[in-house]
């Protein structure tokens, strides 16, 4: 649908992108405001380092895989992986 919109009208595609960008910024602002309200209300037990970094149980394979997945999205790993694999000279090595 977005490809069709971009082919049909670049101006319309730009407006749609602007709307999505404003929506993302508003959602980010809402998360920040709600977090600050919770901190100022005294609900900050999870921010104590002993609680935030405690290892109550052994992590499972799924939790470790999920951590790698989230980190790769956070650092644009999925986008750059395609460029890196294209540059590999000897993939068997």
N, C-alpha and C. Protein backbone atom coordinates (compact mmCIF):
# COMPACT_ATOMS: atom_id res chain seq x y z
N UNK A 1 0.83 -1.19 0.00
CA UNK A 1 0.00 0.00 0.00
C UNK A 1 0.88 1.26 0.00
N UNK A 2 1.91 1.26 0.85
CA UNK A 2 2.78 2.43 0.90
C UNK A 2 3.58 2.60 -0.39
N UNK A 3 3.96 1.49 -1.00
CA UNK A 3 4.66 1.60 -2.28
C UNK A 3 3.75 2.21 -3.34
N UNK A 4 2.49 1.77 -3.36
CA UNK A 4 1.54 2.34 -4.31
C UNK A 4 1.34 3.83 -4.07
N UNK A 5 1.22 4.22 -2.78
CA UNK A 5 1.04 5.64 -2.45
C UNK A 5 2.24 6.44 -2.92
N UNK A 6 3.44 5.90 -2.72
CA UNK A 6 4.65 6.61 -3.14
C UNK A 6 4.71 6.73 -4.66
N UNK A 7 4.28 5.70 -5.38
CA UNK A 7 4.27 5.78 -6.84
C UNK A 7 3.17 6.72 -7.33
N UNK A 8 2.06 6.75 -6.65
CA UNK A 8 0.94 7.59 -7.06
C UNK A 8 1.24 9.06 -6.84
N UNK A 9 1.75 9.40 -5.64
CA UNK A 9 2.01 10.80 -5.33
C UNK A 9 3.08 10.89 -4.25
N UNK A 10 4.19 11.50 -4.60
CA UNK A 10 5.27 11.67 -3.64
C UNK A 10 4.84 12.62 -2.53
N UNK A 11 4.04 13.62 -2.87
CA UNK A 11 3.55 14.58 -1.88
C UNK A 11 2.69 13.87 -0.83
N UNK A 12 1.81 12.96 -1.30
CA UNK A 12 0.96 12.22 -0.37
C UNK A 12 1.81 11.30 0.51
N UNK A 13 2.81 10.66 -0.08
CA UNK A 13 3.70 9.78 0.68
C UNK A 13 4.46 10.58 1.74
N UNK A 14 4.86 11.78 1.40
CA UNK A 14 5.54 12.64 2.37
C UNK A 14 4.62 13.01 3.52
N UNK A 15 3.37 13.30 3.21
CA UNK A 15 2.41 13.64 4.27
C UNK A 15 2.14 12.45 5.18
N UNK A 16 2.02 11.26 4.58
CA UNK A 16 1.81 10.07 5.39
C UNK A 16 3.01 9.82 6.29
N UNK A 17 4.20 10.00 5.76
CA UNK A 17 5.41 9.83 6.57
C UNK A 17 5.46 10.86 7.69
N UNK A 18 5.04 12.07 7.42
CA UNK A 18 4.99 13.10 8.46
C UNK A 18 4.02 12.72 9.57
N UNK A 19 2.86 12.18 9.18
CA UNK A 19 1.86 11.77 10.18
C UNK A 19 2.43 10.64 11.05
N UNK A 20 3.07 9.66 10.43
CA UNK A 20 3.66 8.57 11.20
C UNK A 20 4.77 9.06 12.12
N UNK A 21 5.57 10.01 11.64
CA UNK A 21 6.65 10.55 12.47
C UNK A 21 6.09 11.30 13.67
N UNK A 22 5.06 12.09 13.46
CA UNK A 22 4.42 12.80 14.58
C UNK A 22 3.83 11.80 15.56
N UNK A 23 3.21 10.73 15.05
CA UNK A 23 2.66 9.70 15.92
C UNK A 23 3.72 9.02 16.76
N UNK A 24 4.87 8.71 16.15
CA UNK A 24 5.96 8.09 16.90
C UNK A 24 6.50 9.03 17.97
N UNK A 25 6.65 10.30 17.62
CA UNK A 25 7.16 11.26 18.60
C UNK A 25 6.18 11.47 19.75
N UNK A 26 4.88 11.48 19.43
CA UNK A 26 3.89 11.62 20.49
C UNK A 26 3.89 10.39 21.41
N UNK A 27 4.02 9.20 20.84
CA UNK A 27 4.08 7.99 21.65
C UNK A 27 5.33 8.00 22.54
N UNK A 28 6.46 8.42 21.99
CA UNK A 28 7.68 8.51 22.78
C UNK A 28 7.53 9.53 23.89
N UNK A 29 6.94 10.67 23.59
CA UNK A 29 6.70 11.68 24.62
C UNK A 29 5.77 11.17 25.71
N UNK A 30 4.74 10.41 25.32
CA UNK A 30 3.82 9.84 26.30
C UNK A 30 4.53 8.85 27.21
N UNK A 31 5.38 8.03 26.66
CA UNK A 31 6.14 7.08 27.48
C UNK A 31 7.03 7.81 28.47
N UNK A 32 7.69 8.87 28.02
CA UNK A 32 8.57 9.64 28.90
C UNK A 32 7.77 10.31 30.01
N UNK A 33 6.65 10.93 29.66
CA UNK A 33 5.84 11.64 30.65
C UNK A 33 5.28 10.66 31.69
N UNK A 34 4.75 9.53 31.24
CA UNK A 34 4.21 8.54 32.18
C UNK A 34 5.32 8.01 33.08
N UNK A 35 6.49 7.76 32.53
CA UNK A 35 7.62 7.30 33.34
C UNK A 35 8.02 8.32 34.40
N UNK A 36 8.09 9.60 34.01
CA UNK A 36 8.44 10.64 34.98
C UNK A 36 7.38 10.79 36.06
N UNK A 37 6.11 10.67 35.69
CA UNK A 37 5.03 10.75 36.68
C UNK A 37 5.17 9.60 37.68
N UNK A 38 5.47 8.41 37.18
CA UNK A 38 5.63 7.26 38.08
C UNK A 38 6.83 7.46 39.01
N UNK A 39 7.91 8.01 38.50
CA UNK A 39 9.09 8.26 39.34
C UNK A 39 8.77 9.30 40.40
N UNK A 40 8.10 10.38 40.02
CA UNK A 40 7.78 11.43 40.99
C UNK A 40 6.74 10.98 42.00
N UNK A 41 5.93 9.96 41.67
CA UNK A 41 4.98 9.41 42.63
C UNK A 41 5.63 8.40 43.57
N UNK A 42 6.90 8.12 43.36
CA UNK A 42 7.63 7.23 44.26
C UNK A 42 7.66 5.78 43.81
N UNK A 43 7.20 5.49 42.62
CA UNK A 43 7.22 4.12 42.11
C UNK A 43 8.51 3.87 41.34
N UNK A 44 9.62 3.85 42.06
CA UNK A 44 10.92 3.70 41.38
C UNK A 44 11.73 2.55 41.96
N UNK A 45 11.05 1.50 42.48
CA UNK A 45 11.78 0.37 43.05
C UNK A 45 12.59 -0.37 41.99
N UNK A 46 12.09 -0.42 40.77
CA UNK A 46 12.79 -1.15 39.70
C UNK A 46 14.05 -0.44 39.23
N UNK A 47 14.25 0.82 39.62
CA UNK A 47 15.43 1.56 39.20
C UNK A 47 16.62 1.37 40.13
N UNK A 48 16.41 0.71 41.26
CA UNK A 48 17.51 0.44 42.19
C UNK A 48 18.40 -0.61 41.54
N UNK A 49 19.72 -0.37 41.45
CA UNK A 49 20.60 -1.30 40.73
C UNK A 49 20.54 -2.74 41.25
N UNK A 50 20.36 -2.93 42.55
CA UNK A 50 20.31 -4.29 43.09
C UNK A 50 19.07 -5.03 42.59
N UNK A 51 18.00 -4.31 42.33
CA UNK A 51 16.77 -4.92 41.83
C UNK A 51 16.81 -5.04 40.31
N UNK A 52 17.28 -4.01 39.64
CA UNK A 52 17.27 -3.98 38.17
C UNK A 52 18.19 -5.03 37.57
N UNK A 53 19.32 -5.32 38.24
CA UNK A 53 20.29 -6.25 37.69
C UNK A 53 20.37 -7.56 38.45
N UNK A 54 19.34 -7.90 39.20
CA UNK A 54 19.35 -9.16 39.94
C UNK A 54 19.02 -10.31 39.01
N UNK A 55 19.66 -11.43 39.22
CA UNK A 55 19.42 -12.63 38.43
C UNK A 55 18.77 -13.66 39.36
N UNK A 56 17.44 -13.64 39.40
CA UNK A 56 16.71 -14.55 40.28
C UNK A 56 16.67 -15.97 39.72
N UNK A 57 16.71 -16.11 38.41
CA UNK A 57 16.66 -17.43 37.79
C UNK A 57 17.65 -17.49 36.64
N UNK A 58 17.94 -18.69 36.22
CA UNK A 58 18.84 -18.88 35.09
C UNK A 58 18.09 -18.54 33.80
N UNK A 59 18.67 -17.69 32.96
CA UNK A 59 17.97 -17.32 31.72
C UNK A 59 17.84 -18.52 30.79
N UNK A 60 16.71 -18.61 30.11
CA UNK A 60 16.49 -19.70 29.15
C UNK A 60 17.06 -19.31 27.79
N UNK A 61 17.10 -20.28 26.91
CA UNK A 61 17.61 -20.04 25.55
C UNK A 61 16.72 -19.01 24.84
N UNK A 62 15.42 -19.10 25.06
CA UNK A 62 14.50 -18.15 24.44
C UNK A 62 14.72 -16.73 24.91
N UNK A 63 15.01 -16.56 26.19
CA UNK A 63 15.27 -15.21 26.71
C UNK A 63 16.56 -14.64 26.14
N UNK A 64 17.57 -15.46 26.00
CA UNK A 64 18.84 -15.00 25.41
C UNK A 64 18.63 -14.64 23.94
N UNK A 65 17.88 -15.47 23.21
CA UNK A 65 17.60 -15.17 21.80
C UNK A 65 16.80 -13.88 21.67
N UNK A 66 15.84 -13.67 22.55
CA UNK A 66 15.06 -12.44 22.53
C UNK A 66 15.93 -11.23 22.82
N UNK A 67 16.88 -11.37 23.72
CA UNK A 67 17.80 -10.27 24.02
C UNK A 67 18.64 -9.92 22.80
N UNK A 68 19.14 -10.93 22.08
CA UNK A 68 19.92 -10.67 20.87
C UNK A 68 19.05 -10.02 19.79
N UNK A 69 17.81 -10.47 19.66
CA UNK A 69 16.91 -9.89 18.67
C UNK A 69 16.63 -8.42 18.97
N UNK A 70 16.35 -8.10 20.22
CA UNK A 70 16.08 -6.71 20.59
C UNK A 70 17.32 -5.84 20.41
N UNK A 71 18.49 -6.37 20.73
CA UNK A 71 19.72 -5.59 20.55
C UNK A 71 20.00 -5.34 19.08
N UNK A 72 19.72 -6.33 18.22
CA UNK A 72 19.99 -6.13 16.79
C UNK A 72 19.05 -5.08 16.20
N UNK A 73 17.81 -5.03 16.67
CA UNK A 73 16.90 -3.98 16.20
C UNK A 73 17.32 -2.62 16.75
N UNK A 74 17.78 -2.58 17.99
CA UNK A 74 18.17 -1.31 18.59
C UNK A 74 19.37 -0.70 17.88
N UNK A 75 20.26 -1.53 17.39
CA UNK A 75 21.46 -1.02 16.72
C UNK A 75 21.40 -1.20 15.21
N UNK A 76 20.21 -1.33 14.66
CA UNK A 76 19.98 -1.47 13.22
C UNK A 76 20.74 -2.67 12.65
N UNK A 77 20.87 -3.70 13.44
CA UNK A 77 21.60 -4.88 13.00
C UNK A 77 20.99 -5.56 11.80
N UNK A 78 19.65 -5.59 11.73
CA UNK A 78 19.01 -6.27 10.61
C UNK A 78 19.26 -5.52 9.31
N UNK A 79 19.32 -4.21 9.37
CA UNK A 79 19.54 -3.44 8.16
C UNK A 79 20.97 -3.60 7.66
N UNK A 80 21.93 -3.55 8.55
CA UNK A 80 23.33 -3.59 8.14
C UNK A 80 23.82 -5.01 7.88
N UNK A 81 23.09 -6.01 8.35
CA UNK A 81 23.50 -7.40 8.13
C UNK A 81 23.54 -7.71 6.64
N UNK A 82 22.60 -7.18 5.88
CA UNK A 82 22.59 -7.43 4.43
C UNK A 82 23.81 -6.84 3.75
N UNK A 83 24.24 -5.67 4.18
CA UNK A 83 25.42 -5.05 3.56
C UNK A 83 26.69 -5.80 3.94
N UNK A 84 26.76 -6.28 5.18
CA UNK A 84 27.96 -6.98 5.63
C UNK A 84 28.09 -8.31 4.91
N UNK A 85 27.00 -9.07 4.79
CA UNK A 85 27.09 -10.37 4.14
C UNK A 85 27.42 -10.24 2.66
N UNK A 86 27.09 -9.13 2.06
CA UNK A 86 27.43 -8.92 0.65
C UNK A 86 28.94 -8.73 0.47
N UNK A 87 29.60 -8.22 1.49
CA UNK A 87 31.03 -7.93 1.42
C UNK A 87 31.91 -9.11 1.81
N UNK A 88 31.32 -10.20 2.26
CA UNK A 88 32.11 -11.36 2.68
C UNK A 88 32.77 -11.99 1.47
N UNK A 89 34.10 -12.18 1.55
CA UNK A 89 34.84 -12.72 0.42
C UNK A 89 34.84 -14.24 0.45
N UNK A 90 35.13 -14.82 1.62
CA UNK A 90 35.17 -16.27 1.75
C UNK A 90 34.14 -16.69 2.80
N UNK A 91 32.91 -16.96 2.38
CA UNK A 91 31.87 -17.27 3.37
C UNK A 91 32.10 -18.59 4.10
N UNK A 92 32.80 -19.54 3.51
CA UNK A 92 33.05 -20.83 4.18
C UNK A 92 34.01 -20.66 5.35
N UNK A 93 34.86 -19.67 5.28
CA UNK A 93 35.84 -19.44 6.34
C UNK A 93 35.12 -18.86 7.52
